[in-house]
All heavy atoms as atom14 arrays in JSON, in Angstrom:
{
  "sequence": "LDAIVELQKLTNVDIRISIDRDMIGYAPSLLESIEYEYWWGPAYSDD",
  "atom14_mask": [
    [1, 1, 1, 1, 1, 1, 1, 1, 0, 0, 0, 0, 0, 0],
    [1, 1, 1, 1, 1, 1, 1, 1, 0, 0, 0, 0, 0, 0],
    [1, 1, 1, 1, 1, 0, 0, 0, 0, 0, 0, 0, 0, 0],
    [1, 1, 1, 1, 1, 1, 1, 1, 0, 0, 0, 0, 0, 0],
    [1, 1, 1, 1, 1, 1, 1, 0, 0, 0, 0, 0, 0, 0],
    [1, 1, 1, 1, 1, 1, 1, 1, 1, 0, 0, 0, 0, 0],
    [1, 1, 1, 1, 1, 1, 1, 1, 0, 0, 0, 0, 0, 0],
    [1, 1, 1, 1, 1, 1, 1, 1, 1, 0, 0, 0, 0, 0],
    [1, 1, 1, 1, 1, 1, 1, 1, 1, 0, 0, 0, 0, 0],
    [1, 1, 1, 1, 1, 1, 1, 1, 0, 0, 0, 0, 0, 0],
    [1, 1, 1, 1, 1, 1, 1, 0, 0, 0, 0, 0, 0, 0],
    [1, 1, 1, 1, 1, 1, 1, 1, 0, 0, 0, 0, 0, 0],
    [1, 1, 1, 1, 1, 1, 1, 0, 0, 0, 0, 0, 0, 0],
    [1, 1, 1, 1, 1, 1, 1, 1, 0, 0, 0, 0, 0, 0],
    [1, 1, 1, 1, 1, 1, 1, 1, 0, 0, 0, 0, 0, 0],
    [1, 1, 1, 1, 1, 1, 1, 1, 1, 1, 1, 0, 0, 0],
    [1, 1, 1, 1, 1, 1, 1, 1, 0, 0, 0, 0, 0, 0],
    [1, 1, 1, 1, 1, 1, 0, 0, 0, 0, 0, 0, 0, 0],
    [1, 1, 1, 1, 1, 1, 1, 1, 0, 0, 0, 0, 0, 0],
    [1, 1, 1, 1, 1, 1, 1, 1, 0, 0, 0, 0, 0, 0],
    [1, 1, 1, 1, 1, 1, 1, 1, 1, 1, 1, 0, 0, 0],
    [1, 1, 1, 1, 1, 1, 1, 1, 0, 0, 0, 0, 0, 0],
    [1, 1, 1, 1, 1, 1, 1, 1, 0, 0, 0, 0, 0, 0],
    [1, 1, 1, 1, 1, 1, 1, 1, 0, 0, 0, 0, 0, 0],
    [1, 1, 1, 1, 0, 0, 0, 0, 0, 0, 0, 0, 0, 0],
    [1, 1, 1, 1, 1, 1, 1, 1, 1, 1, 1, 1, 0, 0],
    [1, 1, 1, 1, 1, 0, 0, 0, 0, 0, 0, 0, 0, 0],
    [1, 1, 1, 1, 1, 1, 1, 0, 0, 0, 0, 0, 0, 0],
    [1, 1, 1, 1, 1, 1, 0, 0, 0, 0, 0, 0, 0, 0],
    [1, 1, 1, 1, 1, 1, 1, 1, 0, 0, 0, 0, 0, 0],
    [1, 1, 1, 1, 1, 1, 1, 1, 0, 0, 0, 0, 0, 0],
    [1, 1, 1, 1, 1, 1, 1, 1, 1, 0, 0, 0, 0, 0],
    [1, 1, 1, 1, 1, 1, 0, 0, 0, 0, 0, 0, 0, 0],
    [1, 1, 1, 1, 1, 1, 1, 1, 0, 0, 0, 0, 0, 0],
    [1, 1, 1, 1, 1, 1, 1, 1, 1, 0, 0, 0, 0, 0],
    [1, 1, 1, 1, 1, 1, 1, 1, 1, 1, 1, 1, 0, 0],
    [1, 1, 1, 1, 1, 1, 1, 1, 1, 0, 0, 0, 0, 0],
    [1, 1, 1, 1, 1, 1, 1, 1, 1, 1, 1, 1, 0, 0],
    [1, 1, 1, 1, 1, 1, 1, 1, 1, 1, 1, 1, 1, 1],
    [1, 1, 1, 1, 1, 1, 1, 1, 1, 1, 1, 1, 1, 1],
    [1, 1, 1, 1, 0, 0, 0, 0, 0, 0, 0, 0, 0, 0],
    [1, 1, 1, 1, 1, 1, 1, 0, 0, 0, 0, 0, 0, 0],
    [1, 1, 1, 1, 1, 0, 0, 0, 0, 0, 0, 0, 0, 0],
    [1, 1, 1, 1, 1, 1, 1, 1, 1, 1, 1, 1, 0, 0],
    [1, 1, 1, 1, 1, 1, 0, 0, 0, 0, 0, 0, 0, 0],
    [1, 1, 1, 1, 1, 1, 1, 1, 0, 0, 0, 0, 0, 0],
    [1, 1, 1, 1, 1, 1, 1, 1, 0, 0, 0, 0, 0, 0]
  ],
  "atom14_positions": [
    [[0.05, 1.94, -1.09], [0.36, 0.53, -1.35], [-0.37, -0.39, -0.39], [-0.9, -1.44, -0.79], [1.87, 0.31, -1.23], [2.71, 0.87, -2.39], [4.2, 0.85, -2.03], [2.47, 0.1, -3.67], [0.0, 0.0, 0.0], [0.0, 0.0, 0.0], [0.0, 0.0, 0.0], [0.0, 0.0, 0.0], [0.0, 0.0, 0.0], [0.0, 0.0, 0.0]],
    [[-0.42, -0.01, 0.89], [-1.15, -0.82, 1.87], [-2.62, -0.95, 1.48], [-3.23, -2.01, 1.62], [-1.04, -0.22, 3.27], [0.36, -0.32, 3.85], [1.22, -0.97, 3.22], [0.6, 0.29, 4.91], [0.0, 0.0, 0.0], [0.0, 0.0, 0.0], [0.0, 0.0, 0.0], [0.0, 0.0, 0.0], [0.0, 0.0, 0.0], [0.0, 0.0, 0.0]],
    [[-3.18, 0.15, 0.97], [-4.6, 0.17, 0.61], [-4.88, -0.74, -0.59], [-5.88, -1.47, -0.58], [-5.04, 1.59, 0.31], [0.0, 0.0, 0.0], [0.0, 0.0, 0.0], [0.0, 0.0, 0.0], [0.0, 0.0, 0.0], [0.0, 0.0, 0.0], [0.0, 0.0, 0.0], [0.0, 0.0, 0.0], [0.0, 0.0, 0.0], [0.0, 0.0, 0.0]],
    [[-4.01, -0.71, -1.61], [-4.33, -1.53, -2.79], [-4.11, -3.03, -2.51], [-4.81, -3.87, -3.06], [-3.55, -1.08, -4.03], [-2.04, -1.25, -3.87], [-3.9, 0.33, -4.43], [-1.29, -1.04, -5.18], [0.0, 0.0, 0.0], [0.0, 0.0, 0.0], [0.0, 0.0, 0.0], [0.0, 0.0, 0.0], [0.0, 0.0, 0.0], [0.0, 0.0, 0.0]],
    [[-3.14, -3.36, -1.62], [-2.97, -4.77, -1.26], [-4.18, -5.25, -0.47], [-4.67, -6.37, -0.68], [-1.67, -4.98, -0.46], [-1.59, -6.43, 0.05], [-0.46, -4.67, -1.32], [0.0, 0.0, 0.0], [0.0, 0.0, 0.0], [0.0, 0.0, 0.0], [0.0, 0.0, 0.0], [0.0, 0.0, 0.0], [0.0, 0.0, 0.0], [0.0, 0.0, 0.0]],
    [[-4.68, -4.42, 0.43], [-5.87, -4.78, 1.2], [-7.07, -4.94, 0.28], [-7.9, -5.84, 0.45], [-6.15, -3.71, 2.26], [-7.24, -4.08, 3.25], [-6.88, -5.27, 4.12], [-5.69, -5.59, 4.26], [-7.83, -5.9, 4.65], [0.0, 0.0, 0.0], [0.0, 0.0, 0.0], [0.0, 0.0, 0.0], [0.0, 0.0, 0.0], [0.0, 0.0, 0.0]],
    [[-7.17, -4.07, -0.73], [-8.25, -4.15, -1.7], [-8.18, -5.47, -2.46], [-9.21, -6.11, -2.71], [-8.17, -2.97, -2.69], [-9.26, -2.89, -3.76], [-10.62, -2.64, -3.12], [-8.94, -1.78, -4.75], [0.0, 0.0, 0.0], [0.0, 0.0, 0.0], [0.0, 0.0, 0.0], [0.0, 0.0, 0.0], [0.0, 0.0, 0.0], [0.0, 0.0, 0.0]],
    [[-6.98, -5.89, -2.82], [-6.8, -7.16, -3.52], [-7.28, -8.33, -2.66], [-7.91, -9.27, -3.15], [-5.33, -7.36, -3.88], [-5.01, -8.69, -4.53], [-5.65, -8.84, -5.9], [-5.37, -8.07, -6.79], [-6.52, -9.82, -6.05], [0.0, 0.0, 0.0], [0.0, 0.0, 0.0], [0.0, 0.0, 0.0], [0.0, 0.0, 0.0], [0.0, 0.0, 0.0]],
    [[-7.0, -8.27, -1.37], [-7.38, -9.36, -0.47], [-8.89, -9.45, -0.26], [-9.43, -10.53, -0.05], [-6.68, -9.18, 0.89], [-5.17, -9.36, 0.85], [-4.57, -9.1, 2.23], [-3.05, -9.27, 2.21], [-2.46, -8.99, 3.54], [0.0, 0.0, 0.0], [0.0, 0.0, 0.0], [0.0, 0.0, 0.0], [0.0, 0.0, 0.0], [0.0, 0.0, 0.0]],
    [[-9.56, -8.28, -0.33], [-10.98, -8.22, 0.01], [-11.9, -8.35, -1.19], [-13.1, -8.56, -1.03], [-11.29, -6.92, 0.75], [-10.59, -6.73, 2.11], [-10.92, -5.36, 2.67], [-11.04, -7.82, 3.09], [0.0, 0.0, 0.0], [0.0, 0.0, 0.0], [0.0, 0.0, 0.0], [0.0, 0.0, 0.0], [0.0, 0.0, 0.0], [0.0, 0.0, 0.0]],
    [[-11.37, -8.18, -2.39], [-12.21, -8.17, -3.58], [-11.62, -9.06, -4.66], [-10.54, -9.62, -4.51], [-12.34, -6.74, -4.15], [-11.08, -6.35, -4.72], [-12.74, -5.75, -3.08], [0.0, 0.0, 0.0], [0.0, 0.0, 0.0], [0.0, 0.0, 0.0], [0.0, 0.0, 0.0], [0.0, 0.0, 0.0], [0.0, 0.0, 0.0], [0.0, 0.0, 0.0]],
    [[-12.34, -9.17, -5.76], [-11.85, -9.93, -6.91], [-11.29, -9.01, -7.98], [-11.13, -9.42, -9.13], [-13.0, -10.76, -7.5], [-13.45, -11.87, -6.55], [-12.62, -12.49, -5.89], [-14.75, -12.08, -6.46], [0.0, 0.0, 0.0], [0.0, 0.0, 0.0], [0.0, 0.0, 0.0], [0.0, 0.0, 0.0], [0.0, 0.0, 0.0], [0.0, 0.0, 0.0]],
    [[-10.98, -7.77, -7.62], [-10.42, -6.83, -8.57], [-9.02, -7.3, -8.99], [-8.22, -7.71, -8.16], [-10.33, -5.42, -7.96], [-9.64, -4.45, -8.93], [-11.71, -4.91, -7.6], [0.0, 0.0, 0.0], [0.0, 0.0, 0.0], [0.0, 0.0, 0.0], [0.0, 0.0, 0.0], [0.0, 0.0, 0.0], [0.0, 0.0, 0.0], [0.0, 0.0, 0.0]],
    [[-8.76, -7.28, -10.29], [-7.45, -7.7, -10.79], [-6.48, -6.53, -10.74], [-6.46, -5.68, -11.63], [-7.57, -8.22, -12.22], [-8.27, -9.56, -12.29], [-8.1, -10.35, -11.35], [-9.0, -9.8, -13.27], [0.0, 0.0, 0.0], [0.0, 0.0, 0.0], [0.0, 0.0, 0.0], [0.0, 0.0, 0.0], [0.0, 0.0, 0.0], [0.0, 0.0, 0.0]],
    [[-5.68, -6.49, -9.68], [-4.71, -5.4, -9.5], [-3.33, -5.9, -9.91], [-2.94, -7.01, -9.56], [-4.68, -4.93, -8.03], [-6.06, -4.37, -7.63], [-3.6, -3.87, -7.82], [-6.17, -4.03, -6.17], [0.0, 0.0, 0.0], [0.0, 0.0, 0.0], [0.0, 0.0, 0.0], [0.0, 0.0, 0.0], [0.0, 0.0, 0.0], [0.0, 0.0, 0.0]],
    [[-2.62, -5.09, -10.66], [-1.25, -5.44, -11.07], [-0.28, -4.4, -10.53], [-0.64, -3.25, -10.34], [-1.16, -5.52, -12.59], [-1.92, -6.69, -13.18], [-1.9, -6.7, -14.69], [-2.67, -5.59, -15.25], [-2.72, -5.3, -16.54], [-2.02, -6.0, -17.4], [-3.45, -4.29, -16.97], [0.0, 0.0, 0.0], [0.0, 0.0, 0.0], [0.0, 0.0, 0.0]],
    [[0.94, -4.83, -10.28], [1.93, -3.95, -9.65], [3.3, -4.21, -10.28], [3.57, -5.32, -10.77], [1.97, -4.19, -8.13], [2.79, -3.13, -7.4], [2.48, -5.59, -7.81], [2.71, -3.23, -5.89], [0.0, 0.0, 0.0], [0.0, 0.0, 0.0], [0.0, 0.0, 0.0], [0.0, 0.0, 0.0], [0.0, 0.0, 0.0], [0.0, 0.0, 0.0]],
    [[4.15, -3.2, -10.26], [5.52, -3.36, -10.75], [6.44, -3.58, -9.55], [6.3, -2.94, -8.5], [5.94, -2.11, -11.51], [7.26, -2.22, -11.97], [0.0, 0.0, 0.0], [0.0, 0.0, 0.0], [0.0, 0.0, 0.0], [0.0, 0.0, 0.0], [0.0, 0.0, 0.0], [0.0, 0.0, 0.0], [0.0, 0.0, 0.0], [0.0, 0.0, 0.0]],
    [[7.4, -4.48, -9.7], [8.34, -4.86, -8.64], [9.72, -4.27, -8.93], [10.15, -4.17, -10.07], [8.43, -6.39, -8.52], [7.09, -6.98, -8.05], [9.54, -6.82, -7.59], [6.67, -6.5, -6.68], [0.0, 0.0, 0.0], [0.0, 0.0, 0.0], [0.0, 0.0, 0.0], [0.0, 0.0, 0.0], [0.0, 0.0, 0.0], [0.0, 0.0, 0.0]],
    [[10.44, -3.89, -7.87], [11.81, -3.42, -8.01], [12.7, -4.62, -8.35], [13.0, -5.43, -7.49], [12.26, -2.75, -6.71], [13.6, -2.03, -6.85], [14.35, -2.37, -7.79], [13.9, -1.16, -6.02], [0.0, 0.0, 0.0], [0.0, 0.0, 0.0], [0.0, 0.0, 0.0], [0.0, 0.0, 0.0], [0.0, 0.0, 0.0], [0.0, 0.0, 0.0]],
    [[13.13, -4.69, -9.59], [13.9, -5.84, -10.03], [15.38, -5.76, -9.62], [16.11, -6.74, -9.72], [13.79, -5.99, -11.56], [14.31, -4.79, -12.33], [14.14, -5.0, -13.83], [12.72, -5.11, -14.19], [12.3, -5.55, -15.38], [13.18, -5.92, -16.3], [11.03, -5.6, -15.64], [0.0, 0.0, 0.0], [0.0, 0.0, 0.0], [0.0, 0.0, 0.0]],
    [[15.81, -4.58, -9.17], [17.23, -4.37, -8.89], [17.57, -4.27, -7.41], [18.67, -3.87, -7.05], [17.73, -3.08, -9.58], [17.59, -3.15, -11.1], [17.7, -4.26, -11.65], [17.36, -2.1, -11.72], [0.0, 0.0, 0.0], [0.0, 0.0, 0.0], [0.0, 0.0, 0.0], [0.0, 0.0, 0.0], [0.0, 0.0, 0.0], [0.0, 0.0, 0.0]],
    [[16.63, -4.62, -6.52], [16.92, -4.55, -5.07], [16.24, -5.69, -4.36], [15.09, -6.04, -4.67], [16.49, -3.2, -4.49], [16.95, -3.01, -3.05], [16.83, -1.3, -2.46], [15.12, -1.26, -1.92], [0.0, 0.0, 0.0], [0.0, 0.0, 0.0], [0.0, 0.0, 0.0], [0.0, 0.0, 0.0], [0.0, 0.0, 0.0], [0.0, 0.0, 0.0]],
    [[16.95, -6.29, -3.4], [16.4, -7.37, -2.6], [16.78, -7.12, -1.13], [17.81, -6.49, -0.85], [16.93, -8.73, -3.1], [16.03, -9.87, -2.65], [18.38, -8.96, -2.69], [16.22, -11.14, -3.46], [0.0, 0.0, 0.0], [0.0, 0.0, 0.0], [0.0, 0.0, 0.0], [0.0, 0.0, 0.0], [0.0, 0.0, 0.0], [0.0, 0.0, 0.0]],
    [[15.94, -7.56, -0.2], [16.16, -7.24, 1.22], [16.31, -8.46, 2.11], [16.09, -9.6, 1.67], [0.0, 0.0, 0.0], [0.0, 0.0, 0.0], [0.0, 0.0, 0.0], [0.0, 0.0, 0.0], [0.0, 0.0, 0.0], [0.0, 0.0, 0.0], [0.0, 0.0, 0.0], [0.0, 0.0, 0.0], [0.0, 0.0, 0.0], [0.0, 0.0, 0.0]],
    [[16.67, -8.2, 3.37], [16.92, -9.23, 4.37], [15.88, -9.11, 5.49], [15.88, -8.12, 6.24], [18.34, -9.07, 4.92], [18.77, -10.13, 5.88], [18.69, -11.48, 5.57], [19.3, -9.78, 7.14], [19.11, -12.45, 6.46], [19.73, -10.74, 8.02], [19.63, -12.07, 7.69], [20.04, -13.04, 8.57], [0.0, 0.0, 0.0], [0.0, 0.0, 0.0]],
    [[15.01, -10.09, 5.61], [13.84, -10.0, 6.49], [14.15, -9.76, 7.98], [13.45, -8.97, 8.63], [12.99, -11.25, 6.33], [0.0, 0.0, 0.0], [0.0, 0.0, 0.0], [0.0, 0.0, 0.0], [0.0, 0.0, 0.0], [0.0, 0.0, 0.0], [0.0, 0.0, 0.0], [0.0, 0.0, 0.0], [0.0, 0.0, 0.0], [0.0, 0.0, 0.0]],
    [[15.17, -10.41, 8.58], [15.42, -10.17, 10.01], [15.74, -8.72, 10.36], [15.65, -8.33, 11.52], [16.62, -11.08, 10.31], [16.5, -12.19, 9.33], [16.01, -11.52, 8.07], [0.0, 0.0, 0.0], [0.0, 0.0, 0.0], [0.0, 0.0, 0.0], [0.0, 0.0, 0.0], [0.0, 0.0, 0.0], [0.0, 0.0, 0.0], [0.0, 0.0, 0.0]],
    [[16.1, -7.91, 9.37], [16.44, -6.51, 9.64], [15.26, -5.56, 9.45], [15.39, -4.37, 9.7], [17.57, -6.06, 8.7], [17.13, -6.06, 7.34], [0.0, 0.0, 0.0], [0.0, 0.0, 0.0], [0.0, 0.0, 0.0], [0.0, 0.0, 0.0], [0.0, 0.0, 0.0], [0.0, 0.0, 0.0], [0.0, 0.0, 0.0], [0.0, 0.0, 0.0]],
    [[14.1, -6.09, 9.06], [12.96, -5.23, 8.74], [12.46, -4.5, 9.97], [12.22, -5.09, 11.01], [11.83, -6.08, 8.14], [10.58, -5.33, 7.69], [10.89, -4.36, 6.55], [9.49, -6.32, 7.25], [0.0, 0.0, 0.0], [0.0, 0.0, 0.0], [0.0, 0.0, 0.0], [0.0, 0.0, 0.0], [0.0, 0.0, 0.0], [0.0, 0.0, 0.0]],
    [[12.29, -3.2, 9.84], [11.82, -2.36, 10.94], [10.84, -1.33, 10.37], [11.2, -0.52, 9.52], [12.99, -1.64, 11.61], [12.67, -0.79, 12.84], [12.15, -1.67, 13.98], [13.9, -0.02, 13.3], [0.0, 0.0, 0.0], [0.0, 0.0, 0.0], [0.0, 0.0, 0.0], [0.0, 0.0, 0.0], [0.0, 0.0, 0.0], [0.0, 0.0, 0.0]],
    [[9.61, -1.39, 10.84], [8.57, -0.49, 10.33], [8.9, 0.97, 10.65], [9.37, 1.29, 11.73], [7.22, -0.85, 10.94], [6.06, -0.03, 10.42], [4.74, -0.42, 11.05], [4.74, -1.38, 11.86], [3.72, 0.2, 10.74], [0.0, 0.0, 0.0], [0.0, 0.0, 0.0], [0.0, 0.0, 0.0], [0.0, 0.0, 0.0], [0.0, 0.0, 0.0]],
    [[8.68, 1.84, 9.69], [8.9, 3.26, 9.91], [7.56, 3.99, 10.01], [6.52, 3.44, 9.62], [9.74, 3.87, 8.78], [9.03, 3.81, 7.55], [0.0, 0.0, 0.0], [0.0, 0.0, 0.0], [0.0, 0.0, 0.0], [0.0, 0.0, 0.0], [0.0, 0.0, 0.0], [0.0, 0.0, 0.0], [0.0, 0.0, 0.0], [0.0, 0.0, 0.0]],
    [[7.6, 5.2, 10.53], [6.39, 6.01, 10.67], [6.61, 7.35, 10.01], [7.61, 8.03, 10.29], [6.01, 6.23, 12.15], [5.68, 4.9, 12.83], [4.82, 7.18, 12.28], [5.42, 5.03, 14.32], [0.0, 0.0, 0.0], [0.0, 0.0, 0.0], [0.0, 0.0, 0.0], [0.0, 0.0, 0.0], [0.0, 0.0, 0.0], [0.0, 0.0, 0.0]],
    [[5.73, 7.72, 9.1], [5.75, 9.04, 8.5], [4.32, 9.54, 8.43], [3.41, 8.79, 8.04], [6.36, 9.01, 7.09], [7.83, 8.71, 7.08], [8.42, 8.68, 5.67], [7.64, 8.82, 4.7], [9.64, 8.52, 5.55], [0.0, 0.0, 0.0], [0.0, 0.0, 0.0], [0.0, 0.0, 0.0], [0.0, 0.0, 0.0], [0.0, 0.0, 0.0]],
    [[4.12, 10.77, 8.81], [2.78, 11.34, 8.8], [2.63, 12.3, 7.64], [3.45, 13.2, 7.46], [2.49, 12.06, 10.12], [2.51, 11.15, 11.32], [3.23, 11.47, 12.46], [1.8, 9.95, 11.31], [3.26, 10.63, 13.56], [1.83, 9.1, 12.41], [2.54, 9.44, 13.53], [2.56, 8.6, 14.61], [0.0, 0.0, 0.0], [0.0, 0.0, 0.0]],
    [[1.59, 12.09, 6.84], [1.31, 13.0, 5.74], [-0.18, 12.9, 5.41], [-0.85, 11.93, 5.78], [2.16, 12.64, 4.51], [1.93, 11.23, 3.99], [2.9, 10.86, 2.88], [3.79, 11.65, 2.59], [2.72, 9.78, 2.31], [0.0, 0.0, 0.0], [0.0, 0.0, 0.0], [0.0, 0.0, 0.0], [0.0, 0.0, 0.0], [0.0, 0.0, 0.0]],
    [[-0.66, 13.88, 4.71], [-2.09, 13.95, 4.41], [-2.29, 14.41, 2.98], [-1.46, 15.1, 2.41], [-2.8, 14.93, 5.36], [-2.55, 14.62, 6.81], [-1.54, 15.29, 7.51], [-3.28, 13.64, 7.46], [-1.27, 14.99, 8.82], [-3.01, 13.34, 8.79], [-2.01, 14.02, 9.47], [-1.75, 13.72, 10.78], [0.0, 0.0, 0.0], [0.0, 0.0, 0.0]],
    [[-3.39, 13.98, 2.38], [-3.78, 14.51, 1.08], [-5.29, 14.66, 1.07], [-6.0, 14.07, 1.87], [-3.3, 13.59, -0.06], [-3.77, 12.18, 0.03], [-4.88, 11.62, -0.54], [-3.15, 11.12, 0.77], [-4.98, 10.3, -0.22], [-3.95, 9.96, 0.58], [-2.01, 11.04, 1.56], [-3.61, 8.73, 1.15], [-1.7, 9.82, 2.13], [-2.49, 8.69, 1.93]],
    [[-5.78, 15.48, 0.16], [-7.2, 15.87, 0.18], [-7.87, 15.49, -1.14], [-7.34, 15.76, -2.22], [-7.33, 17.38, 0.4], [-6.93, 17.79, 1.78], [-7.75, 17.98, 2.86], [-5.62, 18.03, 2.26], [-7.02, 18.32, 3.98], [-5.69, 18.36, 3.64], [-4.34, 17.99, 1.67], [-4.59, 18.66, 4.41], [-3.24, 18.28, 2.45], [-3.37, 18.61, 3.79]],
    [[-9.03, 14.9, -1.06], [-9.83, 14.59, -2.23], [-11.19, 15.25, -2.08], [-11.32, 16.26, -1.39], [0.0, 0.0, 0.0], [0.0, 0.0, 0.0], [0.0, 0.0, 0.0], [0.0, 0.0, 0.0], [0.0, 0.0, 0.0], [0.0, 0.0, 0.0], [0.0, 0.0, 0.0], [0.0, 0.0, 0.0], [0.0, 0.0, 0.0], [0.0, 0.0, 0.0]],
    [[-12.24, 14.7, -2.69], [-13.58, 15.27, -2.53], [-14.04, 15.16, -1.09], [-13.59, 14.27, -0.35], [-14.44, 14.41, -3.47], [-13.68, 13.14, -3.64], [-12.24, 13.51, -3.56], [0.0, 0.0, 0.0], [0.0, 0.0, 0.0], [0.0, 0.0, 0.0], [0.0, 0.0, 0.0], [0.0, 0.0, 0.0], [0.0, 0.0, 0.0], [0.0, 0.0, 0.0]],
    [[-14.87, 16.06, -0.65], [-15.38, 16.05, 0.72], [-15.99, 14.68, 1.0], [-16.89, 14.22, 0.3], [-16.4, 17.15, 0.92], [0.0, 0.0, 0.0], [0.0, 0.0, 0.0], [0.0, 0.0, 0.0], [0.0, 0.0, 0.0], [0.0, 0.0, 0.0], [0.0, 0.0, 0.0], [0.0, 0.0, 0.0], [0.0, 0.0, 0.0], [0.0, 0.0, 0.0]],
    [[-15.49, 14.02, 2.06], [-15.87, 12.63, 2.3], [-17.07, 12.54, 3.24], [-17.26, 13.36, 4.15], [-14.71, 11.86, 2.9], [-15.01, 10.39, 3.09], [-14.99, 9.52, 2.01], [-15.35, 9.88, 4.34], [-15.3, 8.18, 2.16], [-15.66, 8.54, 4.5], [-15.63, 7.7, 3.4], [-15.94, 6.37, 3.57], [0.0, 0.0, 0.0], [0.0, 0.0, 0.0]],
    [[-17.87, 11.51, 3.01], [-19.01, 11.22, 3.88], [-19.15, 9.71, 3.96], [-18.89, 8.99, 2.99], [-20.3, 11.83, 3.31], [-21.43, 11.29, 3.97], [0.0, 0.0, 0.0], [0.0, 0.0, 0.0], [0.0, 0.0, 0.0], [0.0, 0.0, 0.0], [0.0, 0.0, 0.0], [0.0, 0.0, 0.0], [0.0, 0.0, 0.0], [0.0, 0.0, 0.0]],
    [[-19.58, 9.21, 5.13], [-19.83, 7.77, 5.25], [-21.0, 7.33, 4.37], [-21.15, 6.15, 4.06], [-20.11, 7.39, 6.71], [-18.83, 7.42, 7.55], [-17.75, 7.2, 6.96], [-18.92, 7.66, 8.75], [0.0, 0.0, 0.0], [0.0, 0.0, 0.0], [0.0, 0.0, 0.0], [0.0, 0.0, 0.0], [0.0, 0.0, 0.0], [0.0, 0.0, 0.0]],
    [[-21.83, 8.3, 3.99], [-22.9, 8.03, 3.04], [-22.31, 8.14, 1.64], [-22.48, 9.14, 0.93], [-24.04, 9.04, 3.24], [-25.26, 8.71, 2.39], [-25.25, 7.64, 1.73], [-26.2, 9.52, 2.38], [0.0, 0.0, 0.0], [0.0, 0.0, 0.0], [0.0, 0.0, 0.0], [0.0, 0.0, 0.0], [0.0, 0.0, 0.0], [0.0, 0.0, 0.0]]
  ]
}
C-alpha cells in the first residue's frame, strides 16, 4: 500500500483503491507498527 500511494504521488498513473466502509479510526491514537516479511520476484538488477 505504501508503494502504490508513493507511485500515485510521483506519476500520473490512475490508481484506484477500495476503502473500508465499515470502520473509522481516531487519529490521536495512531501508532506505527513494525512487521518484517519478504517476498521474491524475478532476480532484480539496478539495470
